[in-house]
Amino acid sequence: MMSEQAEFGARLREALKAAGLGEGARDLADLVSAHGGDAVTPQAAHNWIRGKTTPRRRNLRALAKALRIAPEDLYADEPLDKRLGETGQSFAVGVQDRHAIDAFLSLPAEQRKPVRELIHFLAKAAAK
């Protein structure tokens, strides 16, 4: 039987993979800070990934926010992919893309227009 920390680490690795992110400790530490968590060292993030420790509540919420999942998903009893299938959520679009979409949607309408035109242009070029 795995410890709570080991289970957390396995779920975190699964969520990172589903989000299209790697398991880099420095990147994870930066991600937590960027999403409202307390500053953590890469060593602390490494310990989360490897299932040696678990984050404090504030950092857990920041981590879940960055990964676009509920904090409970990092402690649930079922595998993440099974739970996502049941809820209809999909991680076909990675977290970085979702954050880019959010940034796009926060732009004023006049600034969104050239971005849409660029995406349309790139999509047409890729289709050829």
N, C-alpha and C. Protein backbone atom coordinates (compact mmCIF):
# COMPACT_ATOMS: atom_id res chain seq x y z
N MET A 1 0.84 -1.18 0.00
CA MET A 1 0.00 0.00 0.00
C MET A 1 0.89 1.24 0.00
N MET A 2 0.56 2.20 -0.87
CA MET A 2 1.37 3.41 -0.97
C MET A 2 0.98 4.39 0.13
N SER A 3 1.95 5.20 0.52
CA SER A 3 1.69 6.24 1.50
C SER A 3 0.89 7.36 0.84
N GLU A 4 0.32 8.21 1.66
CA GLU A 4 -0.44 9.35 1.15
C GLU A 4 0.45 10.24 0.28
N GLN A 5 1.70 10.44 0.69
CA GLN A 5 2.62 11.26 -0.08
C GLN A 5 2.92 10.62 -1.43
N ALA A 6 3.13 9.31 -1.43
CA ALA A 6 3.43 8.60 -2.68
C ALA A 6 2.24 8.66 -3.64
N GLU A 7 1.04 8.51 -3.10
CA GLU A 7 -0.16 8.61 -3.93
C GLU A 7 -0.29 10.01 -4.50
N PHE A 8 -0.02 11.02 -3.66
CA PHE A 8 -0.07 12.40 -4.14
C PHE A 8 0.91 12.59 -5.30
N GLY A 9 2.14 12.11 -5.12
CA GLY A 9 3.15 12.25 -6.17
C GLY A 9 2.72 11.60 -7.47
N ALA A 10 2.13 10.43 -7.38
CA ALA A 10 1.65 9.73 -8.59
C ALA A 10 0.55 10.54 -9.27
N ARG A 11 -0.37 11.08 -8.49
CA ARG A 11 -1.46 11.87 -9.07
C ARG A 11 -0.93 13.18 -9.66
N LEU A 12 0.05 13.77 -9.00
CA LEU A 12 0.64 15.00 -9.52
C LEU A 12 1.33 14.72 -10.86
N ARG A 13 2.09 13.66 -10.94
CA ARG A 13 2.75 13.32 -12.20
C ARG A 13 1.72 13.06 -13.29
N GLU A 14 0.64 12.39 -12.94
CA GLU A 14 -0.45 12.11 -13.89
C GLU A 14 -1.09 13.41 -14.37
N ALA A 15 -1.34 14.34 -13.44
CA ALA A 15 -1.96 15.62 -13.79
C ALA A 15 -1.02 16.47 -14.64
N LEU A 16 0.26 16.45 -14.34
CA LEU A 16 1.23 17.19 -15.15
C LEU A 16 1.26 16.64 -16.57
N LYS A 17 1.25 15.33 -16.69
CA LYS A 17 1.25 14.70 -18.01
C LYS A 17 -0.03 15.05 -18.77
N ALA A 18 -1.17 14.96 -18.09
CA ALA A 18 -2.45 15.27 -18.74
C ALA A 18 -2.51 16.72 -19.18
N ALA A 19 -1.81 17.60 -18.46
CA ALA A 19 -1.79 19.01 -18.79
C ALA A 19 -0.75 19.35 -19.85
N GLY A 20 0.02 18.35 -20.26
CA GLY A 20 1.04 18.59 -21.27
C GLY A 20 2.29 19.25 -20.71
N LEU A 21 2.51 19.10 -19.42
CA LEU A 21 3.69 19.68 -18.77
C LEU A 21 4.66 18.59 -18.36
N GLY A 22 5.91 18.97 -18.25
CA GLY A 22 6.93 18.03 -17.80
C GLY A 22 6.99 17.98 -16.28
N GLU A 23 7.93 17.21 -15.78
CA GLU A 23 8.08 17.02 -14.34
C GLU A 23 9.26 17.82 -13.79
N GLY A 24 9.62 18.91 -14.44
CA GLY A 24 10.73 19.73 -13.97
C GLY A 24 10.38 20.43 -12.66
N ALA A 25 11.22 20.23 -11.66
CA ALA A 25 10.94 20.79 -10.33
C ALA A 25 10.99 22.31 -10.33
N ARG A 26 11.94 22.89 -11.03
CA ARG A 26 12.04 24.35 -11.08
C ARG A 26 10.80 24.94 -11.75
N ASP A 27 10.37 24.33 -12.86
CA ASP A 27 9.16 24.81 -13.55
C ASP A 27 7.94 24.69 -12.65
N LEU A 28 7.84 23.59 -11.92
CA LEU A 28 6.71 23.39 -11.02
C LEU A 28 6.72 24.42 -9.90
N ALA A 29 7.88 24.68 -9.34
CA ALA A 29 7.99 25.69 -8.28
C ALA A 29 7.56 27.06 -8.80
N ASP A 30 8.00 27.41 -10.01
CA ASP A 30 7.61 28.69 -10.62
C ASP A 30 6.11 28.74 -10.89
N LEU A 31 5.55 27.63 -11.33
CA LEU A 31 4.13 27.54 -11.64
C LEU A 31 3.29 27.80 -10.39
N VAL A 32 3.69 27.22 -9.28
CA VAL A 32 2.97 27.40 -8.01
C VAL A 32 2.99 28.87 -7.60
N SER A 33 4.16 29.48 -7.65
CA SER A 33 4.27 30.89 -7.27
C SER A 33 3.45 31.78 -8.20
N ALA A 34 3.46 31.47 -9.48
CA ALA A 34 2.74 32.28 -10.46
C ALA A 34 1.22 32.19 -10.31
N HIS A 35 0.73 31.17 -9.61
CA HIS A 35 -0.71 30.98 -9.47
C HIS A 35 -1.19 31.16 -8.04
N GLY A 36 -0.47 31.99 -7.29
CA GLY A 36 -0.95 32.38 -5.97
C GLY A 36 -0.42 31.59 -4.80
N GLY A 37 0.49 30.68 -5.05
CA GLY A 37 1.06 29.91 -3.95
C GLY A 37 2.25 30.62 -3.34
N ASP A 38 2.72 30.09 -2.25
CA ASP A 38 3.92 30.61 -1.61
C ASP A 38 5.14 30.17 -2.42
N ALA A 39 6.19 30.95 -2.35
CA ALA A 39 7.42 30.58 -3.04
C ALA A 39 7.95 29.27 -2.44
N VAL A 40 8.33 28.36 -3.32
CA VAL A 40 8.91 27.09 -2.87
C VAL A 40 10.19 26.85 -3.63
N THR A 41 11.05 26.07 -3.05
CA THR A 41 12.30 25.72 -3.71
C THR A 41 12.05 24.61 -4.72
N PRO A 42 12.91 24.51 -5.72
CA PRO A 42 12.79 23.37 -6.64
C PRO A 42 12.89 22.03 -5.89
N GLN A 43 13.68 22.00 -4.82
CA GLN A 43 13.80 20.76 -4.05
C GLN A 43 12.45 20.36 -3.43
N ALA A 44 11.71 21.36 -2.92
CA ALA A 44 10.38 21.07 -2.36
C ALA A 44 9.45 20.53 -3.45
N ALA A 45 9.47 21.17 -4.61
CA ALA A 45 8.63 20.71 -5.72
C ALA A 45 9.05 19.31 -6.16
N HIS A 46 10.35 19.05 -6.18
CA HIS A 46 10.86 17.72 -6.53
C HIS A 46 10.31 16.68 -5.55
N ASN A 47 10.28 17.03 -4.27
CA ASN A 47 9.76 16.10 -3.26
C ASN A 47 8.27 15.82 -3.46
N TRP A 48 7.51 16.80 -3.94
CA TRP A 48 6.09 16.57 -4.24
C TRP A 48 5.97 15.59 -5.40
N ILE A 49 6.74 15.86 -6.47
CA ILE A 49 6.68 15.04 -7.68
C ILE A 49 7.06 13.59 -7.36
N ARG A 50 8.04 13.40 -6.53
CA ARG A 50 8.52 12.06 -6.20
C ARG A 50 7.73 11.41 -5.07
N GLY A 51 6.74 12.11 -4.52
CA GLY A 51 5.90 11.52 -3.50
C GLY A 51 6.55 11.40 -2.13
N LYS A 52 7.50 12.29 -1.86
CA LYS A 52 8.17 12.27 -0.56
C LYS A 52 7.45 13.18 0.44
N THR A 53 6.85 14.26 -0.05
CA THR A 53 6.10 15.20 0.78
C THR A 53 4.89 15.68 -0.01
N THR A 54 4.00 16.40 0.67
CA THR A 54 2.86 17.02 0.00
C THR A 54 2.90 18.52 0.28
N PRO A 55 2.33 19.32 -0.62
CA PRO A 55 2.36 20.77 -0.42
C PRO A 55 1.39 21.23 0.67
N ARG A 56 1.66 22.41 1.18
CA ARG A 56 0.71 23.04 2.09
C ARG A 56 -0.54 23.40 1.32
N ARG A 57 -1.61 23.65 2.05
CA ARG A 57 -2.92 23.89 1.44
C ARG A 57 -2.89 25.01 0.40
N ARG A 58 -2.26 26.14 0.72
CA ARG A 58 -2.21 27.27 -0.22
C ARG A 58 -1.52 26.86 -1.52
N ASN A 59 -0.43 26.12 -1.40
CA ASN A 59 0.30 25.69 -2.59
C ASN A 59 -0.45 24.61 -3.35
N LEU A 60 -1.19 23.79 -2.63
CA LEU A 60 -2.03 22.80 -3.29
C LEU A 60 -3.09 23.48 -4.15
N ARG A 61 -3.72 24.51 -3.59
CA ARG A 61 -4.73 25.26 -4.37
C ARG A 61 -4.10 25.93 -5.59
N ALA A 62 -2.91 26.51 -5.42
CA ALA A 62 -2.23 27.15 -6.55
C ALA A 62 -1.86 26.12 -7.61
N LEU A 63 -1.41 24.97 -7.18
CA LEU A 63 -1.05 23.90 -8.09
C LEU A 63 -2.26 23.42 -8.88
N ALA A 64 -3.36 23.22 -8.19
CA ALA A 64 -4.59 22.79 -8.86
C ALA A 64 -5.08 23.86 -9.84
N LYS A 65 -4.98 25.11 -9.45
CA LYS A 65 -5.38 26.21 -10.33
C LYS A 65 -4.53 26.21 -11.59
N ALA A 66 -3.23 26.06 -11.43
CA ALA A 66 -2.32 26.05 -12.57
C ALA A 66 -2.60 24.88 -13.50
N LEU A 67 -2.97 23.74 -12.93
CA LEU A 67 -3.23 22.54 -13.72
C LEU A 67 -4.68 22.45 -14.19
N ARG A 68 -5.48 23.39 -13.73
CA ARG A 68 -6.89 23.45 -14.10
C ARG A 68 -7.65 22.20 -13.68
N ILE A 69 -7.42 21.81 -12.44
CA ILE A 69 -8.15 20.70 -11.85
C ILE A 69 -8.57 21.11 -10.46
N ALA A 70 -9.46 20.35 -9.87
CA ALA A 70 -9.87 20.61 -8.49
C ALA A 70 -8.78 20.09 -7.56
N PRO A 71 -8.51 20.79 -6.46
CA PRO A 71 -7.49 20.30 -5.52
C PRO A 71 -7.74 18.85 -5.09
N GLU A 72 -9.01 18.47 -4.96
CA GLU A 72 -9.35 17.11 -4.55
C GLU A 72 -8.84 16.07 -5.54
N ASP A 73 -8.68 16.47 -6.81
CA ASP A 73 -8.23 15.53 -7.82
C ASP A 73 -6.83 15.01 -7.54
N LEU A 74 -6.07 15.76 -6.78
CA LEU A 74 -4.72 15.31 -6.44
C LEU A 74 -4.73 14.33 -5.28
N TYR A 75 -5.90 14.16 -4.65
CA TYR A 75 -6.02 13.23 -3.53
C TYR A 75 -7.11 12.18 -3.74
N ALA A 76 -7.75 12.16 -4.91
CA ALA A 76 -8.88 11.26 -5.15
C ALA A 76 -8.45 9.80 -5.21
N ASP A 77 -9.40 8.90 -5.11
CA ASP A 77 -9.12 7.48 -5.11
C ASP A 77 -9.04 6.87 -6.51
N GLU A 78 -9.63 7.53 -7.50
CA GLU A 78 -9.63 6.99 -8.85
C GLU A 78 -8.59 7.70 -9.69
N PRO A 79 -8.08 7.03 -10.74
CA PRO A 79 -7.13 7.68 -11.63
C PRO A 79 -7.74 8.92 -12.29
N LEU A 80 -6.91 9.92 -12.53
CA LEU A 80 -7.37 11.19 -13.11
C LEU A 80 -8.06 10.98 -14.44
N ASP A 81 -7.52 10.13 -15.32
CA ASP A 81 -8.13 9.96 -16.64
C ASP A 81 -9.53 9.36 -16.55
N LYS A 82 -9.77 8.49 -15.57
CA LYS A 82 -11.11 7.93 -15.40
C LYS A 82 -12.07 9.01 -14.92
N ARG A 83 -11.64 9.83 -13.97
CA ARG A 83 -12.51 10.89 -13.46
C ARG A 83 -12.79 11.92 -14.55
N LEU A 84 -11.81 12.24 -15.37
CA LEU A 84 -12.03 13.21 -16.43
C LEU A 84 -13.02 12.67 -17.44
N GLY A 85 -12.92 11.39 -17.75
CA GLY A 85 -13.86 10.79 -18.70
C GLY A 85 -15.28 10.85 -18.17
N GLU A 86 -15.44 10.67 -16.87
CA GLU A 86 -16.78 10.68 -16.28
C GLU A 86 -17.38 12.09 -16.28
N THR A 87 -16.54 13.11 -16.12
CA THR A 87 -17.06 14.47 -16.04
C THR A 87 -17.14 15.13 -17.40
N GLY A 88 -16.54 14.49 -18.40
CA GLY A 88 -16.58 15.07 -19.74
C GLY A 88 -15.50 16.10 -19.99
N GLN A 89 -14.65 16.36 -19.02
CA GLN A 89 -13.56 17.31 -19.23
C GLN A 89 -12.52 16.67 -20.13
N SER A 90 -11.76 17.49 -20.79
CA SER A 90 -10.72 16.99 -21.66
C SER A 90 -9.47 17.84 -21.51
N PHE A 91 -8.34 17.18 -21.55
CA PHE A 91 -7.07 17.89 -21.52
C PHE A 91 -6.41 17.85 -22.89
N ALA A 92 -7.21 17.75 -23.95
CA ALA A 92 -6.65 17.75 -25.28
C ALA A 92 -5.89 19.05 -25.52
N VAL A 93 -6.32 20.12 -24.88
CA VAL A 93 -5.63 21.40 -24.92
C VAL A 93 -4.83 21.49 -23.64
N GLY A 94 -3.54 21.70 -23.77
CA GLY A 94 -2.66 21.76 -22.61
C GLY A 94 -2.91 22.99 -21.75
N VAL A 95 -2.36 22.94 -20.58
CA VAL A 95 -2.54 24.05 -19.63
C VAL A 95 -1.97 25.34 -20.18
N GLN A 96 -0.81 25.27 -20.80
CA GLN A 96 -0.23 26.49 -21.35
C GLN A 96 -1.14 27.12 -22.41
N ASP A 97 -1.76 26.27 -23.22
CA ASP A 97 -2.70 26.78 -24.22
C ASP A 97 -3.93 27.38 -23.55
N ARG A 98 -4.40 26.76 -22.49
CA ARG A 98 -5.57 27.29 -21.78
C ARG A 98 -5.26 28.65 -21.17
N HIS A 99 -4.05 28.81 -20.64
CA HIS A 99 -3.67 30.11 -20.09
C HIS A 99 -3.55 31.15 -21.20
N ALA A 100 -3.05 30.73 -22.36
CA ALA A 100 -2.98 31.64 -23.50
C ALA A 100 -4.38 32.04 -23.95
N ILE A 101 -5.30 31.11 -23.94
CA ILE A 101 -6.69 31.42 -24.30
C ILE A 101 -7.30 32.40 -23.31
N ASP A 102 -7.05 32.18 -22.02
CA ASP A 102 -7.54 33.12 -21.00
C ASP A 102 -6.96 34.51 -21.23
N ALA A 103 -5.67 34.58 -21.53
CA ALA A 103 -5.05 35.88 -21.79
C ALA A 103 -5.68 36.54 -23.01
N PHE A 104 -5.93 35.74 -24.04
CA PHE A 104 -6.59 36.25 -25.23
C PHE A 104 -7.97 36.82 -24.90
N LEU A 105 -8.73 36.07 -24.12
CA LEU A 105 -10.08 36.51 -23.78
C LEU A 105 -10.09 37.75 -22.88
N SER A 106 -9.00 37.99 -22.20
CA SER A 106 -8.95 39.19 -21.35
C SER A 106 -8.58 40.45 -22.14
N LEU A 107 -8.18 40.29 -23.39
CA LEU A 107 -7.84 41.44 -24.23
C LEU A 107 -9.09 42.19 -24.66
N PRO A 108 -8.96 43.49 -24.87
CA PRO A 108 -10.09 44.23 -25.45
C PRO A 108 -10.37 43.72 -26.87
N ALA A 109 -11.60 43.87 -27.31
CA ALA A 109 -12.04 43.33 -28.60
C ALA A 109 -11.14 43.79 -29.75
N GLU A 110 -10.70 45.04 -29.73
CA GLU A 110 -9.88 45.53 -30.85
C GLU A 110 -8.50 44.87 -30.88
N GLN A 111 -8.03 44.38 -29.75
CA GLN A 111 -6.75 43.68 -29.74
C GLN A 111 -6.91 42.20 -30.05
N ARG A 112 -8.10 41.68 -29.86
CA ARG A 112 -8.33 40.27 -30.19
C ARG A 112 -8.39 40.03 -31.69
N LYS A 113 -8.87 41.02 -32.43
CA LYS A 113 -9.05 40.86 -33.87
C LYS A 113 -7.76 40.46 -34.57
N PRO A 114 -6.64 41.16 -34.39
CA PRO A 114 -5.42 40.72 -35.10
C PRO A 114 -4.93 39.34 -34.65
N VAL A 115 -5.18 38.98 -33.42
CA VAL A 115 -4.78 37.65 -32.95
C VAL A 115 -5.61 36.59 -33.68
N ARG A 116 -6.92 36.82 -33.78
CA ARG A 116 -7.77 35.89 -34.52
C ARG A 116 -7.33 35.77 -35.97
N GLU A 117 -6.99 36.90 -36.58
CA GLU A 117 -6.53 36.88 -37.97
C GLU A 117 -5.23 36.10 -38.12
N LEU A 118 -4.32 36.25 -37.17
CA LEU A 118 -3.07 35.51 -37.20
C LEU A 118 -3.33 34.01 -37.06
N ILE A 119 -4.19 33.64 -36.13
CA ILE A 119 -4.52 32.22 -35.94
C ILE A 119 -5.15 31.65 -37.20
N HIS A 120 -6.07 32.39 -37.80
CA HIS A 120 -6.72 31.94 -39.03
C HIS A 120 -5.67 31.74 -40.14
N PHE A 121 -4.76 32.71 -40.27
CA PHE A 121 -3.70 32.62 -41.28
C PHE A 121 -2.83 31.39 -41.05
N LEU A 122 -2.42 31.18 -39.81
CA LEU A 122 -1.56 30.04 -39.48
C LEU A 122 -2.29 28.70 -39.70
N ALA A 123 -3.57 28.66 -39.37
CA ALA A 123 -4.36 27.44 -39.56
C ALA A 123 -4.48 27.11 -41.06
N LYS A 124 -4.71 28.12 -41.86
CA LYS A 124 -4.79 27.89 -43.31
C LYS A 124 -3.47 27.40 -43.87
N ALA A 125 -2.37 28.00 -43.40
CA ALA A 125 -1.05 27.59 -43.87
C ALA A 125 -0.74 26.15 -43.46
N ALA A 126 -1.15 25.78 -42.25
CA ALA A 126 -0.90 24.42 -41.77
C ALA A 126 -1.74 23.40 -42.52
N ALA A 127 -2.92 23.81 -42.99
CA ALA A 127 -3.82 22.90 -43.69
C ALA A 127 -3.33 22.57 -45.10
N LYS A 128 -2.44 23.37 -45.61
CA LYS A 128 -1.94 23.15 -46.99
C LYS A 128 -0.95 22.04 -47.07
